[in-house]
Amino acid sequence: TSLSNRDKMRTVAEHIAIQISKGIIESGLTGKVLMTGGGVYNSFIISRIKELCPDHQIIIPEKKIIDFKEALIFAFLGLLRYLNIPNCLSSYTGANADICAGSIYDGRLNF
């Protein structure tokens, strides 16, 4: 059976919300949860996380903080790549090894 694009997107969004909620609940921590990063702009996923974590108060900071953190993290990942230091850790991804992901392009050479 073929699923509609709408159903496929709902499935992906639901999976993301369930996995994040599972992490929150399994942490054993209670109370407030600060959520930042570009993903917090997905109001559907945030609403599902709130529904799945009724015992937690999900806090979304102001736009400036969200955007600043996102930019800062990607700049840091870029710096690690430039220094050839692993920026994608197996302990987070489940991969077999840490890697240094990304490409550096200066207009002349691809490193």
PDB file of N, CA and C in Angstrom:
ATOM      1  N   THR A   1       0.836  -1.178   0.000  1.00  0.00           N
ATOM      2  CA  THR A   1       0.000   0.000   0.000  1.00  0.00           C
ATOM      3  C   THR A   1       0.877   1.235   0.000  1.00  0.00           C
ATOM      4  N   SER A   2       0.562   2.162  -0.840  1.00  0.00           N
ATOM      5  CA  SER A   2       1.327   3.395  -0.952  1.00  0.00           C
ATOM      6  C   SER A   2       0.769   4.449   0.004  1.00  0.00           C
ATOM      7  N   LEU A   3       1.656   5.071   0.749  1.00  0.00           N
ATOM      8  CA  LEU A   3       1.240   6.137   1.664  1.00  0.00           C
ATOM      9  C   LEU A   3       1.326   7.487   0.972  1.00  0.00           C
ATOM     10  N   SER A   4       0.476   8.388   1.365  1.00  0.00           N
ATOM     11  CA  SER A   4       0.543   9.751   0.842  1.00  0.00           C
ATOM     12  C   SER A   4       1.752  10.457   1.454  1.00  0.00           C
ATOM     13  N   ASN A   5       2.195  11.515   0.817  1.00  0.00           N
ATOM     14  CA  ASN A   5       3.296  12.303   1.376  1.00  0.00           C
ATOM     15  C   ASN A   5       2.932  12.833   2.758  1.00  0.00           C
ATOM     16  N   ARG A   6       1.684  13.199   2.926  1.00  0.00           N
ATOM     17  CA  ARG A   6       1.208  13.696   4.226  1.00  0.00           C
ATOM     18  C   ARG A   6       1.378  12.624   5.308  1.00  0.00           C
ATOM     19  N   ASP A   7       1.005  11.393   4.989  1.00  0.00           N
ATOM     20  CA  ASP A   7       1.144  10.299   5.948  1.00  0.00           C
ATOM     21  C   ASP A   7       2.611   9.992   6.236  1.00  0.00           C
ATOM     22  N   LYS A   8       3.443  10.065   5.217  1.00  0.00           N
ATOM     23  CA  LYS A   8       4.881   9.824   5.413  1.00  0.00           C
ATOM     24  C   LYS A   8       5.483  10.884   6.335  1.00  0.00           C
ATOM     25  N   MET A   9       5.124  12.146   6.106  1.00  0.00           N
ATOM     26  CA  MET A   9       5.651  13.233   6.941  1.00  0.00           C
ATOM     27  C   MET A   9       5.152  13.104   8.374  1.00  0.00           C
ATOM     28  N   ARG A  10       3.892  12.726   8.537  1.00  0.00           N
ATOM     29  CA  ARG A  10       3.331  12.539   9.885  1.00  0.00           C
ATOM     30  C   ARG A  10       4.075  11.420  10.608  1.00  0.00           C
ATOM     31  N   THR A  11       4.387  10.351   9.891  1.00  0.00           N
ATOM     32  CA  THR A  11       5.112   9.229  10.484  1.00  0.00           C
ATOM     33  C   THR A  11       6.492   9.663  10.959  1.00  0.00           C
ATOM     34  N   VAL A  12       7.204  10.411  10.133  1.00  0.00           N
ATOM     35  CA  VAL A  12       8.535  10.895  10.513  1.00  0.00           C
ATOM     36  C   VAL A  12       8.435  11.835  11.711  1.00  0.00           C
ATOM     37  N   ALA A  13       7.503  12.766  11.674  1.00  0.00           N
ATOM     38  CA  ALA A  13       7.341  13.719  12.778  1.00  0.00           C
ATOM     39  C   ALA A  13       6.978  12.988  14.070  1.00  0.00           C
ATOM     40  N   GLU A  14       6.109  12.010  13.961  1.00  0.00           N
ATOM     41  CA  GLU A  14       5.699  11.235  15.143  1.00  0.00           C
ATOM     42  C   GLU A  14       6.885  10.468  15.712  1.00  0.00           C
ATOM     43  N   HIS A  15       7.680   9.881  14.853  1.00  0.00           N
ATOM     44  CA  HIS A  15       8.869   9.144  15.299  1.00  0.00           C
ATOM     45  C   HIS A  15       9.830  10.077  16.043  1.00  0.00           C
ATOM     46  N   ILE A  16      10.065  11.249  15.482  1.00  0.00           N
ATOM     47  CA  ILE A  16      10.960  12.222  16.132  1.00  0.00           C
ATOM     48  C   ILE A  16      10.420  12.584  17.507  1.00  0.00           C
ATOM     49  N   ALA A  17       9.144  12.902  17.590  1.00  0.00           N
ATOM     50  CA  ALA A  17       8.530  13.293  18.865  1.00  0.00           C
ATOM     51  C   ALA A  17       8.595  12.161  19.883  1.00  0.00           C
ATOM     52  N   ILE A  18       8.341  10.942  19.443  1.00  0.00           N
ATOM     53  CA  ILE A  18       8.376   9.792  20.354  1.00  0.00           C
ATOM     54  C   ILE A  18       9.793   9.565  20.874  1.00  0.00           C
ATOM     55  N   GLN A  19      10.782   9.646  20.000  1.00  0.00           N
ATOM     56  CA  GLN A  19      12.164   9.394  20.429  1.00  0.00           C
ATOM     57  C   GLN A  19      12.661  10.473  21.394  1.00  0.00           C
ATOM     58  N   ILE A  20      12.348  11.727  21.117  1.00  0.00           N
ATOM     59  CA  ILE A  20      12.750  12.807  22.025  1.00  0.00           C
ATOM     60  C   ILE A  20      12.037  12.644  23.362  1.00  0.00           C
ATOM     61  N   SER A  21      10.751  12.358  23.329  1.00  0.00           N
ATOM     62  CA  SER A  21       9.979  12.174  24.557  1.00  0.00           C
ATOM     63  C   SER A  21      10.505  10.996  25.367  1.00  0.00           C
ATOM     64  N   LYS A  22      10.843   9.933  24.682  1.00  0.00           N
ATOM     65  CA  LYS A  22      11.399   8.754  25.348  1.00  0.00           C
ATOM     66  C   LYS A  22      12.680   9.127  26.089  1.00  0.00           C
ATOM     67  N   GLY A  23      13.546   9.911  25.442  1.00  0.00           N
ATOM     68  CA  GLY A  23      14.779  10.358  26.088  1.00  0.00           C
ATOM     69  C   GLY A  23      14.513  11.209  27.317  1.00  0.00           C
ATOM     70  N   ILE A  24      13.544  12.082  27.210  1.00  0.00           N
ATOM     71  CA  ILE A  24      13.182  12.946  28.349  1.00  0.00           C
ATOM     72  C   ILE A  24      12.677  12.098  29.508  1.00  0.00           C
ATOM     73  N   ILE A  25      11.754  11.215  29.228  1.00  0.00           N
ATOM     74  CA  ILE A  25      11.142  10.396  30.281  1.00  0.00           C
ATOM     75  C   ILE A  25      12.159   9.432  30.888  1.00  0.00           C
ATOM     76  N   GLU A  26      12.952   8.779  30.035  1.00  0.00           N
ATOM     77  CA  GLU A  26      13.925   7.800  30.529  1.00  0.00           C
ATOM     78  C   GLU A  26      15.092   8.435  31.281  1.00  0.00           C
ATOM     79  N   SER A  27      15.263   9.744  31.144  1.00  0.00           N
ATOM     80  CA  SER A  27      16.334  10.415  31.892  1.00  0.00           C
ATOM     81  C   SER A  27      16.063  10.365  33.393  1.00  0.00           C
ATOM     82  N   GLY A  28      14.794  10.215  33.730  1.00  0.00           N
ATOM     83  CA  GLY A  28      14.410  10.180  35.133  1.00  0.00           C
ATOM     84  C   GLY A  28      14.292  11.559  35.756  1.00  0.00           C
ATOM     85  N   LEU A  29      14.643  12.576  34.991  1.00  0.00           N
ATOM     86  CA  LEU A  29      14.544  13.943  35.492  1.00  0.00           C
ATOM     87  C   LEU A  29      13.111  14.424  35.361  1.00  0.00           C
ATOM     88  N   THR A  30      12.718  15.289  36.251  1.00  0.00           N
ATOM     89  CA  THR A  30      11.367  15.846  36.199  1.00  0.00           C
ATOM     90  C   THR A  30      11.450  17.361  36.176  1.00  0.00           C
ATOM     91  N   GLY A  31      10.341  17.985  35.890  1.00  0.00           N
ATOM     92  CA  GLY A  31      10.278  19.446  35.920  1.00  0.00           C
ATOM     93  C   GLY A  31      10.381  20.062  34.544  1.00  0.00           C
ATOM     94  N   LYS A  32      11.228  21.078  34.436  1.00  0.00           N
ATOM     95  CA  LYS A  32      11.332  21.860  33.211  1.00  0.00           C
ATOM     96  C   LYS A  32      12.367  21.272  32.258  1.00  0.00           C
ATOM     97  N   VAL A  33      12.047  21.344  30.954  1.00  0.00           N
ATOM     98  CA  VAL A  33      12.962  20.899  29.908  1.00  0.00           C
ATOM     99  C   VAL A  33      13.127  22.062  28.936  1.00  0.00           C
ATOM    100  N   LEU A  34      14.358  22.553  28.810  1.00  0.00           N
ATOM    101  CA  LEU A  34      14.664  23.642  27.876  1.00  0.00           C
ATOM    102  C   LEU A  34      14.969  23.035  26.517  1.00  0.00           C
ATOM    103  N   MET A  35      14.219  23.442  25.501  1.00  0.00           N
ATOM    104  CA  MET A  35      14.429  22.933  24.150  1.00  0.00           C
ATOM    105  C   MET A  35      14.858  24.091  23.262  1.00  0.00           C
ATOM    106  N   THR A  36      15.959  23.885  22.553  1.00  0.00           N
ATOM    107  CA  THR A  36      16.452  24.909  21.634  1.00  0.00           C
ATOM    108  C   THR A  36      16.899  24.249  20.339  1.00  0.00           C
ATOM    109  N   GLY A  37      17.350  25.053  19.405  1.00  0.00           N
ATOM    110  CA  GLY A  37      17.761  24.553  18.098  1.00  0.00           C
ATOM    111  C   GLY A  37      16.633  24.739  17.109  1.00  0.00           C
ATOM    112  N   GLY A  38      16.969  24.619  15.851  1.00  0.00           N
ATOM    113  CA  GLY A  38      16.013  24.870  14.783  1.00  0.00           C
ATOM    114  C   GLY A  38      14.767  24.012  14.835  1.00  0.00           C
ATOM    115  N   GLY A  39      14.886  22.820  15.418  1.00  0.00           N
ATOM    116  CA  GLY A  39      13.738  21.925  15.496  1.00  0.00           C
ATOM    117  C   GLY A  39      12.576  22.468  16.304  1.00  0.00           C
ATOM    118  N   VAL A  40      12.848  23.400  17.211  1.00  0.00           N
ATOM    119  CA  VAL A  40      11.749  23.931  18.024  1.00  0.00           C
ATOM    120  C   VAL A  40      10.792  24.782  17.202  1.00  0.00           C
ATOM    121  N   TYR A  41      11.169  25.126  15.987  1.00  0.00           N
ATOM    122  CA  TYR A  41      10.264  25.871  15.120  1.00  0.00           C
ATOM    123  C   TYR A  41       9.194  24.966  14.502  1.00  0.00           C
ATOM    124  N   ASN A  42       9.339  23.653  14.684  1.00  0.00           N
ATOM    125  CA  ASN A  42       8.318  22.729  14.195  1.00  0.00           C
ATOM    126  C   ASN A  42       7.266  22.592  15.290  1.00  0.00           C
ATOM    127  N   SER A  43       6.239  23.404  15.191  1.00  0.00           N
ATOM    128  CA  SER A  43       5.225  23.464  16.247  1.00  0.00           C
ATOM    129  C   SER A  43       4.479  22.141  16.416  1.00  0.00           C
ATOM    130  N   PHE A  44       4.341  21.373  15.344  1.00  0.00           N
ATOM    131  CA  PHE A  44       3.661  20.082  15.464  1.00  0.00           C
ATOM    132  C   PHE A  44       4.472  19.126  16.327  1.00  0.00           C
ATOM    133  N   ILE A  45       5.763  19.013  16.061  1.00  0.00           N
ATOM    134  CA  ILE A  45       6.601  18.110  16.856  1.00  0.00           C
ATOM    135  C   ILE A  45       6.641  18.564  18.308  1.00  0.00           C
ATOM    136  N   ILE A  46       6.757  19.849  18.537  1.00  0.00           N
ATOM    137  CA  ILE A  46       6.773  20.359  19.917  1.00  0.00           C
ATOM    138  C   ILE A  46       5.460  20.042  20.616  1.00  0.00           C
ATOM    139  N   SER A  47       4.344  20.203  19.922  1.00  0.00           N
ATOM    140  CA  SER A  47       3.050  19.900  20.543  1.00  0.00           C
ATOM    141  C   SER A  47       2.945  18.421  20.885  1.00  0.00           C
ATOM    142  N   ARG A  48       3.474  17.558  20.036  1.00  0.00           N
ATOM    143  CA  ARG A  48       3.455  16.120  20.316  1.00  0.00           C
ATOM    144  C   ARG A  48       4.357  15.788  21.507  1.00  0.00           C
ATOM    145  N   ILE A  49       5.516  16.420  21.604  1.00  0.00           N
ATOM    146  CA  ILE A  49       6.397  16.183  22.751  1.00  0.00           C
ATOM    147  C   ILE A  49       5.694  16.602  24.035  1.00  0.00           C
ATOM    148  N   LYS A  50       5.022  17.737  24.002  1.00  0.00           N
ATOM    149  CA  LYS A  50       4.278  18.189  25.183  1.00  0.00           C
ATOM    150  C   LYS A  50       3.190  17.198  25.564  1.00  0.00           C
ATOM    151  N   GLU A  51       2.508  16.644  24.579  1.00  0.00           N
ATOM    152  CA  GLU A  51       1.462  15.649  24.852  1.00  0.00           C
ATOM    153  C   GLU A  51       2.048  14.354  25.406  1.00  0.00           C
ATOM    154  N   LEU A  52       3.214  13.968  24.900  1.00  0.00           N
ATOM    155  CA  LEU A  52       3.844  12.713  25.319  1.00  0.00           C
ATOM    156  C   LEU A  52       4.586  12.835  26.650  1.00  0.00           C
ATOM    157  N   CYS A  53       4.865  14.058  27.077  1.00  0.00           N
ATOM    158  CA  CYS A  53       5.579  14.307  28.338  1.00  0.00           C
ATOM    159  C   CYS A  53       4.733  15.216  29.237  1.00  0.00           C
ATOM    160  N   PRO A  54       3.561  14.752  29.648  1.00  0.00           N
ATOM    161  CA  PRO A  54       2.666  15.629  30.412  1.00  0.00           C
ATOM    162  C   PRO A  54       3.210  16.031  31.781  1.00  0.00           C
ATOM    163  N   ASP A  55       4.179  15.289  32.296  1.00  0.00           N
ATOM    164  CA  ASP A  55       4.741  15.608  33.609  1.00  0.00           C
ATOM    165  C   ASP A  55       5.935  16.548  33.530  1.00  0.00           C
ATOM    166  N   HIS A  56       6.238  17.032  32.339  1.00  0.00           N
ATOM    167  CA  HIS A  56       7.364  17.952  32.138  1.00  0.00           C
ATOM    168  C   HIS A  56       6.853  19.267  31.563  1.00  0.00           C
ATOM    169  N   GLN A  57       7.488  20.328  31.956  1.00  0.00           N
ATOM    170  CA  GLN A  57       7.170  21.639  31.387  1.00  0.00           C
ATOM    171  C   GLN A  57       8.205  21.922  30.300  1.00  0.00           C
ATOM    172  N   ILE A  58       7.757  21.946  29.053  1.00  0.00           N
ATOM    173  CA  ILE A  58       8.647  22.186  27.921  1.00  0.00           C
ATOM    174  C   ILE A  58       8.801  23.691  27.744  1.00  0.00           C
ATOM    175  N   ILE A  59      10.028  24.166  27.841  1.00  0.00           N
ATOM    176  CA  ILE A  59      10.321  25.593  27.743  1.00  0.00           C
ATOM    177  C   ILE A  59      11.001  25.866  26.398  1.00  0.00           C
ATOM    178  N   ILE A  60      10.452  26.807  25.649  1.00  0.00           N
ATOM    179  CA  ILE A  60      11.046  27.251  24.384  1.00  0.00           C
ATOM    180  C   ILE A  60      11.499  28.697  24.590  1.00  0.00           C
ATOM    181  N   PRO A  61      12.806  28.966  24.478  1.00  0.00           N
ATOM    182  CA  PRO A  61      13.271  30.337  24.694  1.00  0.00           C
ATOM    183  C   PRO A  61      12.921  31.255  23.519  1.00  0.00           C
ATOM    184  N   GLU A  62      13.281  32.499  23.655  1.00  0.00           N
ATOM    185  CA  GLU A  62      12.998  33.464  22.589  1.00  0.00           C
ATOM    186  C   GLU A  62      13.820  33.145  21.335  1.00  0.00           C
ATOM    187  N   LYS A  63      13.333  33.600  20.192  1.00  0.00           N
ATOM    188  CA  LYS A  63      13.921  33.322  18.878  1.00  0.00           C
ATOM    189  C   LYS A  63      15.412  33.644  18.826  1.00  0.00           C
ATOM    190  N   LYS A  64      15.821  34.751  19.419  1.00  0.00           N
ATOM    191  CA  LYS A  64      17.227  35.163  19.370  1.00  0.00           C
ATOM    192  C   LYS A  64      18.135  34.094  20.003  1.00  0.00           C
ATOM    193  N   ILE A  65      17.707  33.515  21.102  1.00  0.00           N
ATOM    194  CA  ILE A  65      18.505  32.487  21.779  1.00  0.00           C
ATOM    195  C   ILE A  65      18.555  31.222  20.929  1.00  0.00           C
ATOM    196  N   ILE A  66      17.421  30.839  20.376  1.00  0.00           N
ATOM    197  CA  ILE A  66      17.369  29.637  19.529  1.00  0.00           C
ATOM    198  C   ILE A  66      18.322  29.791  18.347  1.00  0.00           C
ATOM    199  N   ASP A  67      18.213  30.891  17.635  1.00  0.00           N
ATOM    200  CA  ASP A  67      19.036  31.108  16.452  1.00  0.00           C
ATOM    201  C   ASP A  67      20.512  31.233  16.805  1.00  0.00           C
ATOM    202  N   PHE A  68      20.833  31.903  17.908  1.00  0.00           N
ATOM    203  CA  PHE A  68      22.225  32.066  18.316  1.00  0.00           C
ATOM    204  C   PHE A  68      22.852  30.718  18.629  1.00  0.00           C
ATOM    205  N   LYS A  69      22.132  29.904  19.385  1.00  0.00           N
ATOM    206  CA  LYS A  69      22.653  28.586  19.744  1.00  0.00           C
ATOM    207  C   LYS A  69      22.888  27.747  18.505  1.00  0.00           C
ATOM    208  N   GLU A  70      21.957  27.760  17.582  1.00  0.00           N
ATOM    209  CA  GLU A  70      22.078  26.987  16.350  1.00  0.00           C
ATOM    210  C   GLU A  70      23.320  27.427  15.563  1.00  0.00           C
ATOM    211  N   ALA A  71      23.502  28.730  15.424  1.00  0.00           N
ATOM    212  CA  ALA A  71      24.663  29.250  14.695  1.00  0.00           C
ATOM    213  C   ALA A  71      25.959  28.896  15.414  1.00  0.00           C
ATOM    214  N   LEU A  72      25.964  29.022  16.720  1.00  0.00           N
ATOM    215  CA  LEU A  72      27.158  28.723  17.518  1.00  0.00           C
ATOM    216  C   LEU A  72      27.551  27.253  17.380  1.00  0.00           C
ATOM    217  N   ILE A  73      26.583  26.366  17.454  1.00  0.00           N
ATOM    218  CA  ILE A  73      26.871  24.934  17.351  1.00  0.00           C
ATOM    219  C   ILE A  73      27.447  24.597  15.978  1.00  0.00           C
ATOM    220  N   PHE A  74      26.858  25.128  14.915  1.00  0.00           N
ATOM    221  CA  PHE A  74      27.357  24.809  13.582  1.00  0.00           C
ATOM    222  C   PHE A  74      28.730  25.432  13.334  1.00  0.00           C
ATOM    223  N   ALA A  75      28.987  26.586  13.913  1.00  0.00           N
ATOM    224  CA  ALA A  75      30.327  27.171  13.812  1.00  0.00           C
ATOM    225  C   ALA A  75      31.341  26.276  14.522  1.00  0.00           C
ATOM    226  N   PHE A  76      30.966  25.751  15.686  1.00  0.00           N
ATOM    227  CA  PHE A  76      31.853  24.864  16.431  1.00  0.00           C
ATOM    228  C   PHE A  76      32.113  23.568  15.655  1.00  0.00           C
ATOM    229  N   LEU A  77      31.057  22.994  15.055  1.00  0.00           N
ATOM    230  CA  LEU A  77      31.238  21.793  14.239  1.00  0.00           C
ATOM    231  C   LEU A  77      32.161  22.069  13.059  1.00  0.00           C
ATOM    232  N   GLY A  78      32.025  23.248  12.465  1.00  0.00           N
ATOM    233  CA  GLY A  78      32.904  23.642  11.363  1.00  0.00           C
ATOM    234  C   GLY A  78      34.352  23.794  11.813  1.00  0.00           C
ATOM    235  N   LEU A  79      34.550  24.372  12.994  1.00  0.00           N
ATOM    236  CA  LEU A  79      35.908  24.509  13.538  1.00  0.00           C
ATOM    237  C   LEU A  79      36.530  23.141  13.781  1.00  0.00           C
ATOM    238  N   LEU A  80      35.766  22.229  14.373  1.00  0.00           N
ATOM    239  CA  LEU A  80      36.282  20.873  14.585  1.00  0.00           C
ATOM    240  C   LEU A  80      36.670  20.236  13.258  1.00  0.00           C
ATOM    241  N   ARG A  81      35.849  20.444  12.221  1.00  0.00           N
ATOM    242  CA  ARG A  81      36.167  19.883  10.895  1.00  0.00           C
ATOM    243  C   ARG A  81      37.454  20.502  10.368  1.00  0.00           C
ATOM    244  N   TYR A  82      37.594  21.807  10.503  1.00  0.00           N
ATOM    245  CA  TYR A  82      38.786  22.510  10.030  1.00  0.00           C
ATOM    246  C   TYR A  82      40.044  21.986  10.729  1.00  0.00           C
ATOM    247  N   LEU A  83      39.913  21.685  12.020  1.00  0.00           N
ATOM    248  CA  LEU A  83      41.044  21.178  12.809  1.00  0.00           C
ATOM    249  C   LEU A  83      41.195  19.660  12.687  1.00  0.00           C
ATOM    250  N   ASN A  84      40.340  19.040  11.882  1.00  0.00           N
ATOM    251  CA  ASN A  84      40.352  17.598  11.658  1.00  0.00           C
ATOM    252  C   ASN A  84      40.147  16.804  12.948  1.00  0.00           C
ATOM    253  N   ILE A  85      39.262  17.315  13.793  1.00  0.00           N
ATOM    254  CA  ILE A  85      38.887  16.664  15.047  1.00  0.00           C
ATOM    255  C   ILE A  85      37.499  16.064  14.840  1.00  0.00           C
ATOM    256  N   PRO A  86      37.278  14.815  15.267  1.00  0.00           N
ATOM    257  CA  PRO A  86      35.955  14.220  15.075  1.00  0.00           C
ATOM    258  C   PRO A  86      34.840  15.132  15.582  1.00  0.00           C
ATOM    259  N   ASN A  87      33.824  15.316  14.736  1.00  0.00           N
ATOM    260  CA  ASN A  87      32.686  16.159  15.096  1.00  0.00           C
ATOM    261  C   ASN A  87      31.370  15.394  15.028  1.00  0.00           C
ATOM    262  N   CYS A  88      31.479  14.114  14.815  1.00  0.00           N
ATOM    263  CA  CYS A  88      30.311  13.235  14.780  1.00  0.00           C
ATOM    264  C   CYS A  88      30.688  11.994  15.586  1.00  0.00           C
ATOM    265  N   LEU A  89      30.187  11.920  16.812  1.00  0.00           N
ATOM    266  CA  LEU A  89      30.645  10.914  17.760  1.00  0.00           C
ATOM    267  C   LEU A  89      29.760   9.675  17.753  1.00  0.00           C
ATOM    268  N   SER A  90      30.404   8.523  17.733  1.00  0.00           N
ATOM    269  CA  SER A  90      29.675   7.257  17.700  1.00  0.00           C
ATOM    270  C   SER A  90      28.796   7.070  18.938  1.00  0.00           C
ATOM    271  N   SER A  91      29.195   7.666  20.044  1.00  0.00           N
ATOM    272  CA  SER A  91      28.401   7.534  21.266  1.00  0.00           C
ATOM    273  C   SER A  91      27.034   8.209  21.119  1.00  0.00           C
ATOM    274  N   TYR A  92      26.915   9.138  20.176  1.00  0.00           N
ATOM    275  CA  TYR A  92      25.634   9.809  19.923  1.00  0.00           C
ATOM    276  C   TYR A  92      24.899   9.212  18.737  1.00  0.00           C
ATOM    277  N   THR A  93      25.653   8.751  17.742  1.00  0.00           N
ATOM    278  CA  THR A  93      25.022   8.294  16.504  1.00  0.00           C
ATOM    279  C   THR A  93      24.784   6.801  16.453  1.00  0.00           C
ATOM    280  N   GLY A  94      25.524   6.047  17.266  1.00  0.00           N
ATOM    281  CA  GLY A  94      25.431   4.594  17.208  1.00  0.00           C
ATOM    282  C   GLY A  94      26.302   4.000  16.115  1.00  0.00           C
ATOM    283  N   ALA A  95      27.071   4.827  15.418  1.00  0.00           N
ATOM    284  CA  ALA A  95      27.973   4.338  14.371  1.00  0.00           C
ATOM    285  C   ALA A  95      29.126   3.554  15.002  1.00  0.00           C
ATOM    286  N   ASN A  96      29.898   2.892  14.178  1.00  0.00           N
ATOM    287  CA  ASN A  96      31.024   2.097  14.667  1.00  0.00           C
ATOM    288  C   ASN A  96      32.210   2.934  15.111  1.00  0.00           C
ATOM    289  N   ALA A  97      32.319   4.148  14.615  1.00  0.00           N
ATOM    290  CA  ALA A  97      33.489   4.975  14.941  1.00  0.00           C
ATOM    291  C   ALA A  97      33.134   6.452  14.882  1.00  0.00           C
ATOM    292  N   ASP A  98      33.925   7.251  15.583  1.00  0.00           N
ATOM    293  CA  ASP A  98      33.818   8.705  15.479  1.00  0.00           C
ATOM    294  C   ASP A  98      34.343   9.114  14.106  1.00  0.00           C
ATOM    295  N   ILE A  99      33.771  10.174  13.545  1.00  0.00           N
ATOM    296  CA  ILE A  99      34.268  10.664  12.255  1.00  0.00           C
ATOM    297  C   ILE A  99      34.368  12.179  12.267  1.00  0.00           C
ATOM    298  N   CYS A 100      35.109  12.676  11.313  1.00  0.00           N
ATOM    299  CA  CYS A 100      35.215  14.113  11.093  1.00  0.00           C
ATOM    300  C   CYS A 100      34.426  14.389   9.807  1.00  0.00           C
ATOM    301  N   ALA A 101      33.201  14.863   9.967  1.00  0.00           N
ATOM    302  CA  ALA A 101      32.295  15.018   8.833  1.00  0.00           C
ATOM    303  C   ALA A 101      32.329  16.444   8.286  1.00  0.00           C
ATOM    304  N   GLY A 102      32.040  16.561   7.014  1.00  0.00           N
ATOM    305  CA  GLY A 102      31.936  17.864   6.373  1.00  0.00           C
ATOM    306  C   GLY A 102      33.052  18.100   5.371  1.00  0.00           C
ATOM    307  N   SER A 103      32.866  19.101   4.568  1.00  0.00           N
ATOM    308  CA  SER A 103      33.863  19.487   3.568  1.00  0.00           C
ATOM    309  C   SER A 103      34.204  20.954   3.752  1.00  0.00           C
ATOM    310  N   ILE A 104      35.430  21.280   3.439  1.00  0.00           N
ATOM    311  CA  ILE A 104      35.868  22.674   3.489  1.00  0.00           C
ATOM    312  C   ILE A 104      36.163  23.100   2.062  1.00  0.00           C
ATOM    313  N   TYR A 105      35.569  24.188   1.652  1.00  0.00           N
ATOM    314  CA  TYR A 105      35.761  24.688   0.304  1.00  0.00           C
ATOM    315  C   TYR A 105      36.132  26.154   0.385  1.00  0.00           C
ATOM    316  N   ASP A 106      37.275  26.502  -0.133  1.00  0.00           N
ATOM    317  CA  ASP A 106      37.733  27.894  -0.056  1.00  0.00           C
ATOM    318  C   ASP A 106      37.641  28.625  -1.394  1.00  0.00           C
ATOM    319  N   GLY A 107      36.938  28.050  -2.342  1.00  0.00           N
ATOM    320  CA  GLY A 107      36.814  28.677  -3.650  1.00  0.00           C
ATOM    321  C   GLY A 107      37.826  28.133  -4.633  1.00  0.00           C
ATOM    322  N   ARG A 108      38.839  27.439  -4.140  1.00  0.00           N
ATOM    323  CA  ARG A 108      39.856  26.867  -5.024  1.00  0.00           C
ATOM    324  C   ARG A 108      39.998  25.348  -4.844  1.00  0.00           C
ATOM    325  N   LEU A 109      40.036  24.929  -3.594  1.00  0.00           N
ATOM    326  CA  LEU A 109      40.321  23.530  -3.305  1.00  0.00           C
ATOM    327  C   LEU A 109      39.249  22.932  -2.417  1.00  0.00           C
ATOM    328  N   ASN A 110      39.013  21.671  -2.604  1.00  0.00           N
ATOM    329  CA  ASN A 110      38.149  20.922  -1.705  1.00  0.00           C
ATOM    330  C   ASN A 110      39.044  20.056  -0.838  1.00  0.00           C
ATOM    331  N   PHE A 111      39.009  20.256   0.454  1.00  0.00           N
ATOM    332  CA  PHE A 111      39.884  19.484   1.354  1.00  0.00           C
ATOM    333  C   PHE A 111      39.206  18.220   1.789  1.00  0.00           C
TER     334      PHE A 111
END
